[in-house]
């Protein structure tokens, strides 16, 4: 079967490689992706027993953090080698990993490359997050007697349609995965329908709840942000997090109206793609407001509700969520499918979403069931909901407390996954 997957991947590379090579940021790690490891790295990989952990990008890397921590506790003396696909994922991996762990780019899924890399890493087992079904990686690991675990498994509607179209090609891959740890029963049903053996499937919850609870924001940093934003007692801050193109205009329109009737109101916009900060600054100016970049807050204290803070530094979203009065989570007013809403819920913040949350359907359903989130169908509805929450402090606090309770009742997936892995690797 490897030869079929090799051919398929070569066809994919034929169309994708020119884009990869001519977009500078995507060229990063090209030699590592091709399996050319420097001698120093090869020597470093030899000096410890390695656990290979694969996560695609930032979201998966951050969600994996609790399990990586649990692996270090459950397998002392072992090192985690975390592979990623994207540059932003690589940066996130470097931030969350202890000094002795190693972050790498995932090798291209060609048999001769994958086998060479497995020979360098020599993993005691391989963990793949969500549903990253790289056929040659999985088949090669299995043929080399390396156990394969799929954890925090999910299959979106779009992925499910794609996988069903090639269901026959997936059967050999599914047979080489030892355990499927899925987030929900629906995802478990989907993976079984694609060929996974029912006896190897277990439902253990979503590690995003665990990762959202990790890493407190220090009191000192909260004080700095409060002072930099000139937030006096009684003043409120709106945070629009993980926004996408097409949403900022609606948010700014709603804010422009709200600030007229709510004295001292402030707003922070944190785009999902941080490189868009200049584009958003132009939108702010076009709205008759003044942009202030987050990176300059130490030098420029806010003095007016007409100023809009734009986050231009990676990794600041949790900190700004911690001081918000209310939060809008982006990717949901447009047909993107939503972004992770668990992090603001940890801080008991009232959360507003748009109507398009299909990528987080299961999580949103948990919050809706407990009446712990509000849905804004459009810009006018967004403005009205924000206005209600700004006027009614009790309503806002109740909504936030319900959100925090949903998070608290859904933590523990990382420890449950670790227990499954330990049971399957008693030889270590």
Protein backbone atom coordinates (compact mmCIF):
# COMPACT_ATOMS: atom_id res chain seq x y z
CA UNK A 1 0.00 0.00 0.00
CA UNK A 2 2.88 2.41 0.67
CA UNK A 3 3.51 2.83 -3.04
CA UNK A 4 -0.07 4.06 -3.61
CA UNK A 5 0.26 6.63 -0.83
CA UNK A 6 3.66 7.68 -2.19
CA UNK A 7 2.15 8.27 -5.63
CA UNK A 8 -0.73 10.25 -4.11
CA UNK A 9 1.66 12.40 -2.09
CA UNK A 10 3.90 13.02 -5.11
CA UNK A 11 0.85 14.24 -7.07
CA UNK A 12 -0.02 16.51 -4.13
CA UNK A 13 3.56 17.86 -4.01
CA UNK A 14 3.52 18.51 -7.76
CA UNK A 15 0.79 21.10 -7.25
CA UNK A 16 1.74 22.30 -3.76
CA UNK A 17 5.55 22.48 -3.86
CA UNK A 18 5.76 25.60 -6.07
CA UNK A 19 3.54 27.44 -3.58
CA UNK A 20 5.60 26.06 -0.71
CA UNK A 21 8.92 27.14 -2.22
CA UNK A 22 7.90 30.60 -3.37
CA UNK A 23 6.19 31.69 -0.16
CA UNK A 24 9.08 32.52 2.13
CA UNK A 25 7.56 31.66 5.49
CA UNK A 26 6.51 28.24 4.20
CA UNK A 27 10.07 27.37 3.15
CA UNK A 28 11.19 27.25 6.78
CA UNK A 29 12.45 23.83 7.76
CA UNK A 30 12.50 22.55 4.17
CA UNK A 31 15.58 20.35 4.73
CA UNK A 32 14.10 18.91 7.94
CA UNK A 33 10.87 18.18 6.04
CA UNK A 34 12.95 16.35 3.42
CA UNK A 35 14.63 14.26 6.11
CA UNK A 36 18.03 15.97 6.09
CA UNK A 37 18.92 16.26 9.78
CA UNK A 38 22.16 18.00 10.84
CA UNK A 39 24.68 15.76 12.56
CA UNK A 40 24.25 17.63 15.86
CA UNK A 41 20.50 17.03 15.82
CA UNK A 42 20.98 13.35 14.98
CA UNK A 43 23.39 12.98 17.91
CA UNK A 44 20.99 14.82 20.22
CA UNK A 45 18.13 12.50 19.24
CA UNK A 46 20.29 9.47 20.07
CA UNK A 47 21.08 10.42 23.65
CA UNK A 48 17.58 9.77 25.08
CA UNK A 49 14.50 7.64 24.59
CA UNK A 50 12.02 9.71 22.57
CA UNK A 51 8.24 9.95 22.42
CA UNK A 52 7.17 11.32 19.04
CA UNK A 53 4.19 13.68 19.33
CA UNK A 54 2.65 15.26 16.23
CA UNK A 55 0.39 18.35 16.18
CA UNK A 56 -0.43 20.41 13.08
CA UNK A 57 -0.43 24.04 14.14
CA UNK A 58 -0.92 26.46 17.04
CA UNK A 59 -4.32 25.22 18.19
CA UNK A 60 -3.29 21.59 18.28
CA UNK A 61 0.06 22.40 19.92
CA UNK A 62 -1.60 24.40 22.71
CA UNK A 63 -4.23 21.70 23.22
CA UNK A 64 -1.43 19.11 23.46
CA UNK A 65 0.41 20.97 26.25
CA UNK A 66 -1.41 19.23 29.17
CA UNK A 67 -0.73 15.77 27.71
CA UNK A 68 2.92 16.61 27.08
CA UNK A 69 3.21 17.67 30.72
CA UNK A 70 1.46 14.46 31.79
CA UNK A 71 3.82 12.38 29.63
CA UNK A 72 6.83 13.86 31.39
CA UNK A 73 5.29 12.90 34.72
CA UNK A 74 4.27 9.42 33.56
CA UNK A 75 7.49 8.70 31.64
CA UNK A 76 10.30 10.40 33.55
CA UNK A 77 13.57 10.37 31.64
CA UNK A 78 11.85 10.25 28.27
CA UNK A 79 11.96 13.20 25.88
CA UNK A 80 9.12 14.52 23.72
CA UNK A 81 9.91 15.24 20.07
CA UNK A 82 7.05 17.44 18.87
CA UNK A 83 6.54 17.72 15.11
CA UNK A 84 4.37 20.37 13.46
CA UNK A 85 3.37 21.45 9.95
CA UNK A 86 3.16 25.24 10.17
CA UNK A 87 5.65 27.93 11.16
CA UNK A 88 3.26 29.35 13.77
CA UNK A 89 2.89 25.84 15.17
CA UNK A 90 6.67 25.57 15.38
CA UNK A 91 6.90 28.87 17.30
CA UNK A 92 4.18 27.71 19.69
CA UNK A 93 5.97 24.38 20.18
CA UNK A 94 9.22 26.13 21.09
CA UNK A 95 7.34 28.13 23.72
CA UNK A 96 5.55 25.27 25.46
CA UNK A 97 8.27 22.61 25.39
CA UNK A 98 10.78 22.18 28.22
CA UNK A 99 14.41 22.79 27.30
CA UNK A 100 15.24 19.11 26.82
CA UNK A 101 12.41 18.47 24.36
CA UNK A 102 12.76 19.03 20.61
CA UNK A 103 10.48 20.77 18.12
CA UNK A 104 10.68 19.73 14.44
CA UNK A 105 8.78 20.10 11.21
CA UNK A 106 6.90 16.97 10.12
CA UNK A 107 8.69 15.15 7.29
CA UNK A 108 7.02 14.94 3.89
CA UNK A 109 4.87 11.81 3.88
CA UNK A 110 6.98 9.77 1.48
CA UNK A 111 8.03 6.32 2.65
CA UNK A 112 11.79 6.72 2.19
CA UNK A 113 11.77 10.07 4.03
CA UNK A 114 9.50 8.92 6.85
CA UNK A 115 11.48 5.75 7.47
CA UNK A 116 14.74 7.68 7.62
CA UNK A 117 13.26 10.14 10.14
CA UNK A 118 11.84 7.33 12.27
CA UNK A 119 15.36 5.89 12.30
CA UNK A 120 16.71 9.19 13.61
CA UNK A 121 14.03 9.75 16.27
CA UNK A 122 13.65 6.07 17.27
CA UNK A 123 10.36 6.77 19.11
CA UNK A 124 9.11 4.37 21.75
CA UNK A 125 5.64 5.27 20.50
CA UNK A 126 3.95 7.83 18.24
CA UNK A 127 1.09 10.14 19.28
CA UNK A 128 -0.93 11.97 16.64
CA UNK A 129 -3.40 14.70 17.61
CA UNK A 130 -6.91 15.24 16.25
CA UNK A 131 -7.13 13.32 12.95
CA UNK A 132 -3.82 13.78 11.17
CA UNK A 133 -3.91 10.60 9.12
CA UNK A 134 -0.54 10.66 7.35
CA UNK A 135 -0.62 7.21 5.71
CA UNK A 136 3.08 6.50 5.21
CA UNK A 137 4.01 7.78 8.65
CA UNK A 138 1.43 5.53 10.31
CA UNK A 139 2.13 2.48 8.17
CA UNK A 140 5.89 2.83 8.55
CA UNK A 141 5.68 3.24 12.32
CA UNK A 142 3.46 0.17 12.59
CA UNK A 143 5.76 -1.92 10.38
CA UNK A 144 8.67 -0.92 12.64
CA UNK A 145 6.75 -2.17 15.74
CA UNK A 146 6.03 1.34 17.05
CA UNK A 147 2.63 1.79 18.69
CA UNK A 148 0.49 4.58 17.23
CA UNK A 149 -2.07 6.54 19.27
CA UNK A 150 -4.53 9.05 17.85
CA UNK A 151 -5.55 11.43 20.66
CA UNK A 152 -8.06 14.26 21.04
CA UNK A 153 -9.59 12.86 17.87
CA UNK A 154 -12.14 14.84 15.91
CA UNK A 155 -13.46 14.71 12.36
CA UNK A 156 -15.12 17.88 11.10
CA UNK A 157 -17.98 17.73 8.61
CA UNK A 158 -15.63 18.80 5.80
CA UNK A 159 -12.95 16.24 6.72
CA UNK A 160 -15.55 13.52 7.07
CA UNK A 161 -16.80 14.13 3.53
CA UNK A 162 -13.23 14.00 2.18
CA UNK A 163 -12.33 10.85 4.09
CA UNK A 164 -15.50 9.06 3.00
CA UNK A 165 -14.54 9.68 -0.63
CA UNK A 166 -11.30 7.68 -0.11
CA UNK A 167 -12.63 5.28 2.50
CA UNK A 168 -11.18 2.23 0.75
CA UNK A 169 -7.67 3.68 0.91
CA UNK A 170 -8.04 4.44 4.62
CA UNK A 171 -8.67 0.88 5.84
CA UNK A 172 -4.98 -0.17 5.93
CA UNK A 173 -4.11 3.03 7.79
CA UNK A 174 -6.88 2.56 10.36
CA UNK A 175 -5.66 -0.97 11.06
CA UNK A 176 -2.23 0.41 12.03
CA UNK A 177 -3.52 2.77 14.73
CA UNK A 178 -3.53 1.03 18.12
CA UNK A 179 -5.95 3.33 19.98
CA UNK A 180 -8.31 6.10 18.88
CA UNK A 181 -9.01 8.52 21.75
CA UNK A 182 -11.90 10.60 20.41
CA UNK A 183 -13.40 13.80 21.82
CA UNK A 184 -17.09 12.88 21.46
CA UNK A 185 -19.36 9.95 20.65
CA UNK A 186 -20.18 11.52 17.29
CA UNK A 187 -16.50 11.64 16.33
CA UNK A 188 -16.14 8.06 17.55
CA UNK A 189 -19.02 7.01 15.30
CA UNK A 190 -17.41 8.78 12.35
CA UNK A 191 -13.97 7.20 12.81
CA UNK A 192 -15.59 3.75 13.11
CA UNK A 193 -17.54 4.32 9.90
CA UNK A 194 -14.22 5.09 8.17
CA UNK A 195 -12.79 1.70 9.13
CA UNK A 196 -11.46 1.96 12.69
CA UNK A 197 -12.05 -1.12 14.81
CA UNK A 198 -14.69 -0.46 17.50
CA UNK A 199 -12.59 -2.20 20.15
CA UNK A 200 -9.81 0.36 19.62
CA UNK A 201 -12.04 3.43 19.98
CA UNK A 202 -12.64 5.24 23.26
CA UNK A 203 -14.28 8.60 24.07
CA UNK A 204 -12.20 10.64 26.53
CA UNK A 205 -13.19 14.29 26.03
CA UNK A 206 -11.40 17.33 24.68
CA UNK A 207 -7.94 18.40 25.88
CA UNK A 208 -8.73 22.02 24.95
CA UNK A 209 -10.51 22.28 28.32
CA UNK A 210 -7.32 21.15 30.08
CA UNK A 211 -5.03 23.44 28.08
CA UNK A 212 -7.24 26.47 28.71
CA UNK A 213 -6.79 25.95 32.45
CA UNK A 214 -2.99 25.87 32.25
CA UNK A 215 -0.81 28.90 32.92
CA UNK A 216 -2.21 31.65 35.10
CA UNK A 217 -1.91 35.32 34.19
CA UNK A 218 0.12 36.97 36.96
CA UNK A 219 -1.38 39.65 39.16
CA UNK A 220 1.51 41.92 38.16
CA UNK A 221 0.68 41.60 34.47
CA UNK A 222 -3.02 42.17 35.10
CA UNK A 223 -2.10 45.34 36.98
CA UNK A 224 0.15 46.49 34.11
CA UNK A 225 -2.60 45.97 31.53
CA UNK A 226 -5.20 47.69 33.67
CA UNK A 227 -2.93 50.70 34.12
CA UNK A 228 -1.85 50.83 30.47
CA UNK A 229 -5.48 50.78 29.36
CA UNK A 230 -6.36 53.42 31.96
CA UNK A 231 -9.18 51.23 33.24
CA UNK A 232 -10.65 52.92 36.28
CA UNK A 233 -13.10 51.15 38.61
CA UNK A 234 -16.42 50.85 36.83
CA UNK A 235 -14.96 51.08 33.33
CA UNK A 236 -15.42 48.07 31.06
CA UNK A 237 -13.28 46.42 28.38
CA UNK A 238 -14.60 44.56 25.34
CA UNK A 239 -12.20 41.95 23.88
CA UNK A 240 -12.78 40.69 20.34
CA UNK A 241 -10.55 37.62 20.13
CA UNK A 242 -9.41 35.53 17.15
CA UNK A 243 -11.17 37.77 14.65
CA UNK A 244 -11.07 37.20 10.89
CA UNK A 245 -11.27 39.44 7.85
CA UNK A 246 -14.83 40.74 7.50
CA UNK A 247 -15.56 40.72 11.23
CA UNK A 248 -13.55 43.73 12.40
CA UNK A 249 -15.76 46.17 10.47
CA UNK A 250 -18.86 44.81 12.22
CA UNK A 251 -17.18 44.92 15.63
CA UNK A 252 -15.93 48.47 15.12
CA UNK A 253 -19.38 49.56 13.95
CA UNK A 254 -21.00 48.14 17.07
CA UNK A 255 -18.32 49.66 19.31
CA UNK A 256 -18.67 53.12 17.75
CA UNK A 257 -22.32 53.14 18.80
CA UNK A 258 -21.79 51.59 22.23
CA UNK A 259 -19.08 54.01 23.37
CA UNK A 260 -21.50 56.91 22.98
CA UNK A 261 -23.83 55.50 25.62
CA UNK A 262 -21.31 53.73 27.88
CA UNK A 263 -18.76 56.15 29.29
CA UNK A 264 -15.15 55.00 29.50
CA UNK A 265 -15.69 51.90 27.36
CA UNK A 266 -12.53 50.35 25.88
CA UNK A 267 -11.94 47.69 23.22
CA UNK A 268 -9.13 45.32 22.22
CA UNK A 269 -9.10 43.48 18.89
CA UNK A 270 -6.90 40.38 18.73
CA UNK A 271 -6.87 39.01 15.16
CA UNK A 272 -6.54 35.28 14.56
CA UNK A 273 -3.71 36.01 12.12
CA UNK A 274 -1.41 38.46 13.86
CA UNK A 275 0.19 39.64 10.60
CA UNK A 276 -3.08 41.45 9.77
CA UNK A 277 -2.49 44.13 12.43
CA UNK A 278 -1.68 46.89 9.90
CA UNK A 279 -4.73 46.03 7.83
CA UNK A 280 -6.91 46.30 10.93
CA UNK A 281 -5.28 49.63 11.85
CA UNK A 282 -6.48 50.97 8.48
CA UNK A 283 -10.01 49.77 9.24
CA UNK A 284 -9.88 51.49 12.62
CA UNK A 285 -8.85 54.80 11.04
CA UNK A 286 -11.55 54.42 8.41
CA UNK A 287 -14.06 54.07 11.24
CA UNK A 288 -12.97 57.44 12.65
CA UNK A 289 -11.10 55.84 15.55
CA UNK A 290 -7.42 55.75 16.50
CA UNK A 291 -5.43 52.47 16.43
CA UNK A 292 -2.91 51.69 19.19
CA UNK A 293 -0.72 48.61 18.90
CA UNK A 294 -0.53 46.33 21.93
CA UNK A 295 3.27 46.21 21.69
CA UNK A 296 3.39 49.95 22.40
CA UNK A 297 1.17 49.99 25.48
CA UNK A 298 4.17 50.48 27.75
CA UNK A 299 4.83 53.79 26.00
CA UNK A 300 1.32 54.94 25.09
CA UNK A 301 -1.30 54.83 27.82
CA UNK A 302 -4.87 55.00 26.52
CA UNK A 303 -6.73 58.17 27.36
CA UNK A 304 -9.79 58.00 25.11
CA UNK A 305 -12.57 55.55 24.14
CA UNK A 306 -11.79 56.56 20.54
CA UNK A 307 -8.60 54.51 20.73
CA UNK A 308 -8.71 50.85 19.69
CA UNK A 309 -5.99 48.47 20.85
CA UNK A 310 -4.84 45.95 18.22
CA UNK A 311 -2.90 42.94 19.49
CA UNK A 312 0.24 42.60 17.37
CA UNK A 313 2.14 40.11 19.56
CA UNK A 314 1.65 36.33 19.52
CA UNK A 315 0.53 34.69 22.77
CA UNK A 316 -1.25 37.64 24.40
CA UNK A 317 -4.85 36.52 23.98
CA UNK A 318 -5.14 34.79 27.35
CA UNK A 319 -3.83 37.87 29.16
CA UNK A 320 -6.33 40.22 27.53
CA UNK A 321 -9.18 37.77 28.11
CA UNK A 322 -8.36 37.85 31.82
CA UNK A 323 -9.18 41.58 32.13
CA UNK A 324 -12.20 41.68 29.80
CA UNK A 325 -15.70 42.62 30.90
CA UNK A 326 -17.17 40.73 27.95
CA UNK A 327 -15.69 38.71 25.07
CA UNK A 328 -16.59 38.17 21.44
CA UNK A 329 -14.90 35.10 19.91
CA UNK A 330 -14.28 35.50 16.18
CA UNK A 331 -14.39 33.30 13.13
CA UNK A 332 -18.11 33.05 13.82
CA UNK A 333 -19.72 36.15 12.25
CA UNK A 334 -18.37 34.93 8.91
CA UNK A 335 -18.55 31.38 7.56
CA UNK A 336 -15.19 30.32 8.93
CA UNK A 337 -16.57 27.96 11.56
CA UNK A 338 -15.54 29.69 14.80
CA UNK A 339 -12.51 29.68 17.08
CA UNK A 340 -11.79 28.24 20.51
CA UNK A 341 -14.09 29.79 23.13
CA UNK A 342 -12.88 27.79 26.12
CA UNK A 343 -10.09 30.16 27.19
CA UNK A 344 -12.30 33.18 28.06
CA UNK A 345 -14.70 30.80 29.80
CA UNK A 346 -11.93 29.84 32.24
CA UNK A 347 -11.97 33.44 33.47
CA UNK A 348 -15.79 33.39 33.85
CA UNK A 349 -16.27 35.97 31.11
CA UNK A 350 -19.62 36.44 29.35
CA UNK A 351 -19.05 35.18 25.80
CA UNK A 352 -20.72 36.17 22.54
CA UNK A 353 -20.41 34.14 19.34
CA UNK A 354 -21.61 34.60 15.81
CA UNK A 355 -23.88 32.00 14.17
CA UNK A 356 -21.12 30.11 12.27
CA UNK A 357 -19.50 27.76 14.80
CA UNK A 358 -19.50 24.45 12.92
CA UNK A 359 -15.80 23.76 13.62
CA UNK A 360 -16.55 23.80 17.36
CA UNK A 361 -20.06 22.41 17.22
CA UNK A 362 -19.64 19.96 20.09
CA UNK A 363 -18.10 22.54 22.46
CA UNK A 364 -20.66 25.20 21.56
CA UNK A 365 -23.45 22.67 22.16
CA UNK A 366 -22.15 22.10 25.71
CA UNK A 367 -22.27 25.83 26.42
CA UNK A 368 -25.67 26.34 24.80
CA UNK A 369 -27.13 23.45 26.79
CA UNK A 370 -26.12 25.25 30.00
CA UNK A 371 -27.15 28.68 28.66
CA UNK A 372 -23.51 29.73 29.07
CA UNK A 373 -23.02 31.63 25.80
CA UNK A 374 -24.99 34.10 23.64
CA UNK A 375 -25.27 33.96 19.83
CA UNK A 376 -25.32 37.14 17.72
CA UNK A 377 -26.80 36.49 14.30
CA UNK A 378 -25.48 39.69 12.74
CA UNK A 379 -23.91 43.10 13.47
CA UNK A 380 -27.13 44.62 14.83
CA UNK A 381 -27.68 41.63 17.12
CA UNK A 382 -24.03 41.81 18.27
CA UNK A 383 -24.47 45.45 19.26
CA UNK A 384 -27.73 44.75 21.09
CA UNK A 385 -26.32 41.80 23.08
CA UNK A 386 -23.24 43.79 24.05
CA UNK A 387 -25.45 46.67 25.13
CA UNK A 388 -27.59 44.37 27.30
CA UNK A 389 -24.54 42.86 29.00
CA UNK A 390 -23.00 46.29 29.58
CA UNK A 391 -26.24 47.54 31.19
CA UNK A 392 -26.97 44.41 33.23
CA UNK A 393 -23.97 43.41 35.36
CA UNK A 394 -25.86 40.55 37.02
CA UNK A 395 -26.72 39.04 33.62
CA UNK A 396 -23.09 39.33 32.53
CA UNK A 397 -21.74 37.75 35.71
CA UNK A 398 -24.26 34.89 35.59
CA UNK A 399 -23.37 34.13 31.97
CA UNK A 400 -19.66 34.10 32.82
CA UNK A 401 -20.11 31.86 35.86
CA UNK A 402 -22.08 29.34 33.81
CA UNK A 403 -19.28 29.33 31.21
CA UNK A 404 -16.64 28.65 33.87
CA UNK A 405 -18.75 25.78 35.23
CA UNK A 406 -18.88 24.15 31.78
CA UNK A 407 -15.06 24.23 31.63
CA UNK A 408 -14.68 22.84 35.14
CA UNK A 409 -17.00 19.90 34.41
CA UNK A 410 -15.12 18.93 31.22
CA UNK A 411 -11.47 18.89 32.31
CA UNK A 412 -9.37 15.76 32.79
CA UNK A 413 -9.05 14.44 29.22
CA UNK A 414 -5.23 14.59 29.27
CA UNK A 415 -4.99 12.36 32.34
CA UNK A 416 -7.51 9.90 30.88
CA UNK A 417 -5.50 9.71 27.66
CA UNK A 418 -2.26 9.19 29.61
CA UNK A 419 -3.87 6.29 31.48
CA UNK A 420 -4.82 4.61 28.18
CA UNK A 421 -1.29 5.08 26.79
CA UNK A 422 0.30 3.70 29.97
CA UNK A 423 -1.90 0.61 29.78
CA UNK A 424 -0.77 0.03 26.19
CA UNK A 425 2.95 0.58 26.90
CA UNK A 426 3.53 -1.42 30.06
CA UNK A 427 6.81 -2.68 28.54
CA UNK A 428 8.43 0.75 29.04
